[in-house]
């Protein structure tokens, strides 16, 4: 009997979710399929991707019922999704993001499949505080065979929400290291080389970009002339952050790049001297939940990091090994860590450690192998 694995996401092809597509791929001995509620872009993947919205699949009436069902109950109607799966049967349905896992639980049940749900951030952070979602997630924990967290801090958070410990596993994220060849830059900086600092984040409170800007202002007098800060990303805080840079008198030393495609982001990470990731708990309680994927990419690029002790960032960036960590909301400490990290011998040590850690820990192949073992264990241990 063919073992069918169905990965399911709400939207396939989002610009910011390349890391998710990296962990979805062929699995030896399994028939793998991706089912998405909709497509945002047609991107290549190692497995077939289908959607009920594809021409010739579910009609508009069926999808109208699905949307109404979702609006009323938070769930999806099983019929159009089950029709996307050959024979209408599967062994495992792996839903990505907690709220989408809740939405697709009826589909997994209709397919006769184990439900595996990966949490990635907001679904363990701000989502439970929204009306009704604490109860929904508790129900999801009971309906799922496995709940996956990307690190120990997120696992603790999910456990505190009511997930039975025996159903909770940690599976680190991975990236396609084939896209990240050995960095060609010199392993050492020179004392007079202008520093190229980089922030990669959506411009939202939990990313702490305002602290990065203040830290850059504090550090500038101790950095070589011509040092620059580039900010990749966009979001609702953009105007406030522009005003902050102007008030601090450093707007001319900051480049605002907006969102960049992965190829350009890869070049920026390979060319930069330091990544700054000062994530914080936002006023509304929102957090990273796990750790930003750009930290994995920085490691692959051999790029040292200055970041905060927040969520699972210490799990990805061991303090003093691949970067330096400070407390939240402390721009002066961030500035001191920036200066320390850019010292030539220290920079070379952090860069070498970061690249090696990526090779040892952060490959998508390693992540997919771990997932495959979990899928097999489900079929060996119990029925859905």
Protein backbone atom coordinates (compact mmCIF):
# COMPACT_ATOMS: atom_id res chain seq x y z
CA UNK A 1 0.00 0.00 0.00
CA UNK A 2 1.34 3.43 -0.97
CA UNK A 3 2.03 5.70 1.95
CA UNK A 4 0.72 9.12 1.01
CA UNK A 5 1.97 12.26 2.74
CA UNK A 6 -0.05 15.45 2.23
CA UNK A 7 1.58 18.74 3.19
CA UNK A 8 -1.03 21.47 3.45
CA UNK A 9 -0.61 25.25 3.61
CA UNK A 10 -3.04 28.11 3.27
CA UNK A 11 -1.04 29.88 0.55
CA UNK A 12 1.70 28.42 -1.63
CA UNK A 13 4.46 30.59 -3.06
CA UNK A 14 4.66 33.43 -0.57
CA UNK A 15 7.84 35.47 -1.02
CA UNK A 16 8.76 35.25 2.67
CA UNK A 17 8.25 31.47 3.04
CA UNK A 18 11.10 30.00 1.03
CA UNK A 19 12.22 28.25 4.22
CA UNK A 20 8.89 26.39 4.32
CA UNK A 21 9.23 25.17 0.74
CA UNK A 22 12.77 23.98 1.58
CA UNK A 23 11.46 21.51 4.15
CA UNK A 24 8.75 20.15 1.84
CA UNK A 25 10.21 17.68 -0.61
CA UNK A 26 10.32 14.07 -1.75
CA UNK A 27 10.45 11.41 0.97
CA UNK A 28 11.72 7.95 0.09
CA UNK A 29 8.90 5.41 0.16
CA UNK A 30 6.15 8.05 0.23
CA UNK A 31 3.86 9.61 -2.34
CA UNK A 32 4.12 13.30 -1.42
CA UNK A 33 1.63 16.00 -2.38
CA UNK A 34 1.09 19.64 -1.39
CA UNK A 35 -2.49 20.88 -1.05
CA UNK A 36 -2.89 24.66 -0.75
CA UNK A 37 -6.06 26.68 -0.33
CA UNK A 38 -4.66 29.11 -2.87
CA UNK A 39 -1.49 29.97 -4.79
CA UNK A 40 0.29 33.30 -4.56
CA UNK A 41 2.95 32.32 -7.09
CA UNK A 42 3.86 29.30 -9.14
CA UNK A 43 7.21 28.26 -7.74
CA UNK A 44 9.16 25.10 -8.39
CA UNK A 45 9.05 22.37 -5.78
CA UNK A 46 10.17 18.79 -5.68
CA UNK A 47 6.59 17.54 -5.34
CA UNK A 48 3.21 18.20 -7.01
CA UNK A 49 1.17 21.15 -5.75
CA UNK A 50 -2.62 21.27 -6.13
CA UNK A 51 -5.38 23.57 -4.93
CA UNK A 52 -9.18 23.34 -4.91
CA UNK A 53 -9.06 26.72 -6.65
CA UNK A 54 -7.21 25.27 -9.65
CA UNK A 55 -9.25 25.46 -12.87
CA UNK A 56 -11.43 22.40 -13.34
CA UNK A 57 -11.37 21.29 -9.72
CA UNK A 58 -13.98 22.55 -7.25
CA UNK A 59 -16.67 24.78 -8.71
CA UNK A 60 -17.44 28.27 -7.35
CA UNK A 61 -20.41 26.96 -5.38
CA UNK A 62 -18.29 24.38 -3.58
CA UNK A 63 -15.62 26.94 -2.72
CA UNK A 64 -18.28 29.40 -1.53
CA UNK A 65 -19.49 26.75 0.93
CA UNK A 66 -15.88 26.17 2.01
CA UNK A 67 -15.33 29.87 2.71
CA UNK A 68 -18.62 30.11 4.61
CA UNK A 69 -17.70 27.05 6.68
CA UNK A 70 -14.33 28.58 7.47
CA UNK A 71 -15.85 31.90 8.46
CA UNK A 72 -18.36 30.31 10.83
CA UNK A 73 -16.24 27.56 12.42
CA UNK A 74 -12.60 28.28 11.60
CA UNK A 75 -12.53 24.90 9.82
CA UNK A 76 -12.43 23.95 6.17
CA UNK A 77 -15.00 21.82 4.39
CA UNK A 78 -13.36 18.47 3.69
CA UNK A 79 -14.91 17.74 0.30
CA UNK A 80 -12.88 20.05 -2.02
CA UNK A 81 -9.59 19.19 -0.33
CA UNK A 82 -10.22 15.47 -0.20
CA UNK A 83 -10.97 15.59 -3.93
CA UNK A 84 -7.42 16.91 -4.50
CA UNK A 85 -5.91 13.71 -3.06
CA UNK A 86 -5.83 10.60 -5.28
CA UNK A 87 -8.23 7.93 -3.95
CA UNK A 88 -9.27 10.34 -1.21
CA UNK A 89 -6.95 8.64 1.28
CA UNK A 90 -3.69 9.54 2.99
CA UNK A 91 -1.46 8.22 5.75
CA UNK A 92 -0.27 11.56 7.14
CA UNK A 93 -1.48 15.14 6.71
CA UNK A 94 1.15 17.67 7.78
CA UNK A 95 -0.41 21.11 8.28
CA UNK A 96 1.89 24.11 8.48
CA UNK A 97 0.97 26.80 11.06
CA UNK A 98 -1.30 26.14 14.01
CA UNK A 99 -4.38 27.98 12.79
CA UNK A 100 -4.20 26.17 9.45
CA UNK A 101 -3.86 22.88 11.31
CA UNK A 102 -7.11 23.63 13.11
CA UNK A 103 -8.76 24.55 9.81
CA UNK A 104 -7.66 21.32 8.12
CA UNK A 105 -8.35 18.85 10.94
CA UNK A 106 -11.66 17.75 9.30
CA UNK A 107 -9.78 17.12 6.05
CA UNK A 108 -7.22 14.88 7.77
CA UNK A 109 -10.08 13.01 9.41
CA UNK A 110 -11.87 12.55 6.07
CA UNK A 111 -8.63 11.26 4.50
CA UNK A 112 -8.16 8.77 7.34
CA UNK A 113 -4.79 10.31 8.12
CA UNK A 114 -2.66 11.17 11.12
CA UNK A 115 -2.60 14.95 11.61
CA UNK A 116 0.81 16.55 12.22
CA UNK A 117 0.88 20.31 12.84
CA UNK A 118 3.94 22.57 12.80
CA UNK A 119 3.88 25.84 14.73
CA UNK A 120 6.14 28.66 13.56
CA UNK A 121 5.64 31.85 15.59
CA UNK A 122 2.49 33.93 15.79
CA UNK A 123 0.41 30.77 16.14
CA UNK A 124 2.10 30.09 19.48
CA UNK A 125 2.53 33.78 20.38
CA UNK A 126 -0.29 36.22 19.63
CA UNK A 127 -2.88 33.82 18.16
CA UNK A 128 -3.95 32.24 21.49
CA UNK A 129 -4.95 35.68 22.84
CA UNK A 130 -7.46 36.25 20.02
CA UNK A 131 -11.10 35.52 20.85
CA UNK A 132 -11.85 31.79 20.77
CA UNK A 133 -8.38 30.63 19.77
CA UNK A 134 -7.25 29.32 23.13
CA UNK A 135 -10.14 26.83 23.04
CA UNK A 136 -9.55 26.02 19.37
CA UNK A 137 -5.88 25.25 19.94
CA UNK A 138 -6.68 23.07 22.93
CA UNK A 139 -9.06 21.11 20.70
CA UNK A 140 -6.40 20.88 18.00
CA UNK A 141 -3.88 19.44 20.45
CA UNK A 142 -6.30 16.62 21.26
CA UNK A 143 -7.10 15.92 17.59
CA UNK A 144 -3.50 15.85 16.38
CA UNK A 145 -1.11 12.92 16.43
CA UNK A 146 1.94 15.20 16.71
CA UNK A 147 2.59 18.90 17.32
CA UNK A 148 5.97 20.21 16.14
CA UNK A 149 7.92 23.18 17.50
CA UNK A 150 11.10 24.59 16.01
CA UNK A 151 12.91 24.97 19.32
CA UNK A 152 12.69 24.46 23.09
CA UNK A 153 11.29 27.90 23.90
CA UNK A 154 8.43 27.44 21.46
CA UNK A 155 7.87 23.90 22.77
CA UNK A 156 7.54 25.26 26.32
CA UNK A 157 5.06 27.85 25.10
CA UNK A 158 2.94 25.26 23.26
CA UNK A 159 3.02 22.99 26.32
CA UNK A 160 1.74 25.88 28.45
CA UNK A 161 -1.21 26.24 26.06
CA UNK A 162 -2.35 22.72 26.90
CA UNK A 163 -0.55 20.47 24.43
CA UNK A 164 0.01 16.99 25.93
CA UNK A 165 3.81 16.59 26.31
CA UNK A 166 3.76 13.14 24.70
CA UNK A 167 2.47 14.66 21.44
CA UNK A 168 5.05 17.44 21.28
CA UNK A 169 8.33 17.19 19.35
CA UNK A 170 11.11 19.64 18.42
CA UNK A 171 12.11 19.71 14.76
CA UNK A 172 14.55 22.47 13.83
CA UNK A 173 13.97 24.41 10.64
CA UNK A 174 16.34 23.88 7.76
CA UNK A 175 17.41 25.71 4.62
CA UNK A 176 18.75 24.55 1.26
CA UNK A 177 22.50 24.81 1.80
CA UNK A 178 23.11 24.14 -1.90
CA UNK A 179 22.04 27.77 -2.37
CA UNK A 180 24.73 28.90 0.07
CA UNK A 181 28.22 28.05 -1.21
CA UNK A 182 31.26 28.58 0.97
CA UNK A 183 31.62 32.36 1.54
CA UNK A 184 34.42 33.75 -0.60
CA UNK A 185 35.15 36.85 1.49
CA UNK A 186 38.28 37.20 3.63
CA UNK A 187 37.95 35.56 7.03
CA UNK A 188 39.26 38.72 8.73
CA UNK A 189 38.19 42.35 8.76
CA UNK A 190 40.60 45.26 8.74
CA UNK A 191 40.38 47.94 11.41
CA UNK A 192 39.60 50.75 8.95
CA UNK A 193 37.07 48.90 6.77
CA UNK A 194 33.61 50.58 6.85
CA UNK A 195 31.11 48.26 8.50
CA UNK A 196 28.14 46.96 6.52
CA UNK A 197 25.39 46.27 9.05
CA UNK A 198 22.16 44.54 8.06
CA UNK A 199 18.66 44.14 9.51
CA UNK A 200 16.26 41.73 7.80
CA UNK A 201 12.78 41.93 9.32
CA UNK A 202 9.21 42.94 8.76
CA UNK A 203 8.76 46.40 10.27
CA UNK A 204 6.58 45.36 13.19
CA UNK A 205 7.03 45.96 16.93
CA UNK A 206 8.23 42.44 17.79
CA UNK A 207 11.23 42.79 15.46
CA UNK A 208 12.78 45.59 17.55
CA UNK A 209 14.04 47.50 14.51
CA UNK A 210 13.82 50.75 16.48
CA UNK A 211 16.38 49.31 18.92
CA UNK A 212 18.66 48.43 15.99
CA UNK A 213 18.48 52.02 14.72
CA UNK A 214 19.21 53.47 18.15
CA UNK A 215 22.09 51.01 18.61
CA UNK A 216 23.58 52.05 15.27
CA UNK A 217 23.40 55.68 16.39
CA UNK A 218 25.19 54.81 19.66
CA UNK A 219 27.85 52.76 17.87
CA UNK A 220 28.64 55.09 14.94
CA UNK A 221 31.37 57.06 16.70
CA UNK A 222 33.21 53.77 17.40
CA UNK A 223 32.83 52.43 13.84
CA UNK A 224 35.01 53.27 10.82
CA UNK A 225 33.84 56.28 8.79
CA UNK A 226 31.36 55.36 6.06
CA UNK A 227 29.74 52.52 8.02
CA UNK A 228 26.17 51.87 6.84
CA UNK A 229 23.03 50.14 8.08
CA UNK A 230 20.77 48.49 5.48
CA UNK A 231 17.22 47.49 6.42
CA UNK A 232 15.46 44.81 4.37
CA UNK A 233 11.73 44.57 4.94
CA UNK A 234 8.60 46.65 5.17
CA UNK A 235 5.57 46.97 7.39
CA UNK A 236 3.34 49.23 9.46
CA UNK A 237 6.22 50.77 11.45
CA UNK A 238 8.06 52.14 8.43
CA UNK A 239 7.06 55.80 8.82
CA UNK A 240 7.76 55.83 12.56
CA UNK A 241 11.18 54.30 11.97
CA UNK A 242 12.01 56.82 9.24
CA UNK A 243 11.19 59.64 11.68
CA UNK A 244 13.33 58.01 14.36
CA UNK A 245 16.34 57.85 12.04
CA UNK A 246 15.80 61.50 11.11
CA UNK A 247 15.52 62.55 14.76
CA UNK A 248 18.77 60.73 15.54
CA UNK A 249 20.50 62.44 12.61
CA UNK A 250 21.52 59.20 10.91
CA UNK A 251 19.04 59.00 8.03
CA UNK A 252 21.88 59.43 5.52
CA UNK A 253 23.64 56.34 6.87
CA UNK A 254 20.60 54.05 6.56
CA UNK A 255 19.41 52.39 3.35
CA UNK A 256 15.79 51.20 3.25
CA UNK A 257 15.53 48.31 0.79
CA UNK A 258 11.99 47.03 1.34
CA UNK A 259 11.31 43.37 0.65
CA UNK A 260 13.91 41.70 -1.55
CA UNK A 261 13.70 38.42 -3.49
CA UNK A 262 15.72 35.53 -2.07
CA UNK A 263 18.55 35.84 -4.60
CA UNK A 264 19.12 39.49 -3.68
CA UNK A 265 18.80 38.75 0.04
CA UNK A 266 21.40 36.02 -0.30
CA UNK A 267 23.82 38.50 -1.90
CA UNK A 268 23.20 41.02 0.88
CA UNK A 269 23.91 38.45 3.58
CA UNK A 270 27.10 37.32 1.84
CA UNK A 271 28.32 40.90 1.48
CA UNK A 272 27.38 42.19 4.96
CA UNK A 273 29.65 42.22 8.01
CA UNK A 274 27.02 41.77 10.72
CA UNK A 275 23.34 40.91 11.06
CA UNK A 276 21.38 42.65 13.82
CA UNK A 277 18.25 40.83 15.11
CA UNK A 278 16.95 42.62 18.25
CA UNK A 279 13.59 40.82 18.58
CA UNK A 280 11.38 41.68 21.58
CA UNK A 281 8.03 40.89 23.12
CA UNK A 282 5.67 43.42 21.50
CA UNK A 283 3.20 45.47 23.56
CA UNK A 284 0.37 43.19 22.40
CA UNK A 285 2.30 40.11 23.54
CA UNK A 286 3.40 39.05 20.06
CA UNK A 287 6.80 37.32 19.92
CA UNK A 288 8.98 35.44 17.48
CA UNK A 289 7.72 32.22 19.04
CA UNK A 290 10.70 30.41 17.56
CA UNK A 291 13.56 32.18 15.79
CA UNK A 292 13.69 34.15 12.51
CA UNK A 293 14.79 32.05 9.53
CA UNK A 294 17.23 34.77 8.51
CA UNK A 295 19.42 33.60 11.42
CA UNK A 296 19.85 30.25 9.66
CA UNK A 297 20.66 32.04 6.42
CA UNK A 298 23.19 34.25 8.19
CA UNK A 299 24.93 31.17 9.55
CA UNK A 300 25.06 29.67 6.05
CA UNK A 301 26.62 32.91 4.83
CA UNK A 302 29.22 32.84 7.63
CA UNK A 303 27.72 36.08 8.93
CA UNK A 304 28.07 36.87 12.66
CA UNK A 305 24.93 38.01 14.50
CA UNK A 306 24.06 40.42 17.29
CA UNK A 307 20.66 39.51 18.69
CA UNK A 308 18.52 39.41 21.80
CA UNK A 309 17.89 36.58 24.25
CA UNK A 310 14.39 36.16 22.92
CA UNK A 311 12.29 33.06 22.19
CA UNK A 312 14.44 30.45 20.41
CA UNK A 313 17.14 32.83 19.20
CA UNK A 314 19.66 31.42 21.74
CA UNK A 315 18.90 27.94 20.36
CA UNK A 316 20.02 29.11 16.90
CA UNK A 317 22.73 31.61 17.90
CA UNK A 318 24.76 30.26 20.83
CA UNK A 319 26.01 33.29 22.73
CA UNK A 320 29.70 33.90 22.13
CA UNK A 321 29.97 31.19 19.48
CA UNK A 322 28.29 32.47 16.30
CA UNK A 323 27.28 35.88 17.64
CA UNK A 324 26.63 37.89 20.76
CA UNK A 325 23.30 38.09 22.62
CA UNK A 326 21.98 40.89 24.82
CA UNK A 327 18.78 41.62 26.72
CA UNK A 328 15.67 43.02 25.04
CA UNK A 329 15.17 46.78 24.67
CA UNK A 330 18.82 47.64 25.34
CA UNK A 331 20.24 49.63 22.40
CA UNK A 332 23.43 50.53 24.28
CA UNK A 333 24.21 46.84 24.89
CA UNK A 334 23.47 46.12 21.22
CA UNK A 335 25.87 48.90 20.23
CA UNK A 336 28.62 47.46 22.44
CA UNK A 337 28.05 43.99 20.96
CA UNK A 338 28.24 45.43 17.43
CA UNK A 339 31.63 47.03 18.12
CA UNK A 340 32.93 43.87 19.79
CA UNK A 341 31.77 41.62 16.96
CA UNK A 342 33.43 43.76 14.30
CA UNK A 343 36.88 43.46 15.89
CA UNK A 344 38.84 41.60 13.21
CA UNK A 345 39.94 38.49 15.15
CA UNK A 346 36.54 38.15 16.83
CA UNK A 347 34.71 38.59 13.54
CA UNK A 348 36.79 35.86 11.90
CA UNK A 349 36.13 33.43 14.76
CA UNK A 350 32.37 34.06 14.79
CA UNK A 351 32.16 33.81 10.99
CA UNK A 352 33.95 30.45 10.87
CA UNK A 353 31.81 29.05 13.70
CA UNK A 354 28.60 30.25 12.04
CA UNK A 355 29.32 28.54 8.74
CA UNK A 356 30.24 25.29 10.45
CA UNK A 357 27.09 25.36 12.58
CA UNK A 358 24.97 25.78 9.44
CA UNK A 359 26.62 22.75 7.85
CA UNK A 360 26.16 20.66 11.00
CA UNK A 361 22.65 21.70 12.06
CA UNK A 362 20.64 23.71 9.54
CA UNK A 363 20.31 21.72 6.31
CA UNK A 364 16.86 21.12 4.86
CA UNK A 365 17.91 17.52 4.19
CA UNK A 366 18.49 17.03 7.91
CA UNK A 367 15.07 18.51 8.70
CA UNK A 368 13.29 16.37 6.11
CA UNK A 369 15.03 13.23 7.41
CA UNK A 370 13.84 14.01 10.92
CA UNK A 371 10.30 14.55 9.70
CA UNK A 372 10.35 11.30 7.72
CA UNK A 373 11.33 9.41 10.86
CA UNK A 374 8.41 10.96 12.74
CA UNK A 375 5.98 10.05 9.96
CA UNK A 376 7.19 6.45 10.02
CA UNK A 377 6.89 6.26 13.78
CA UNK A 378 3.25 7.31 13.60
CA UNK A 379 2.38 4.45 11.25
CA UNK A 380 4.28 1.99 13.41
CA UNK A 381 2.83 3.09 16.74
CA UNK A 382 -0.88 3.79 16.35
CA UNK A 383 -3.87 4.46 14.15
CA UNK A 384 -5.06 8.05 13.59
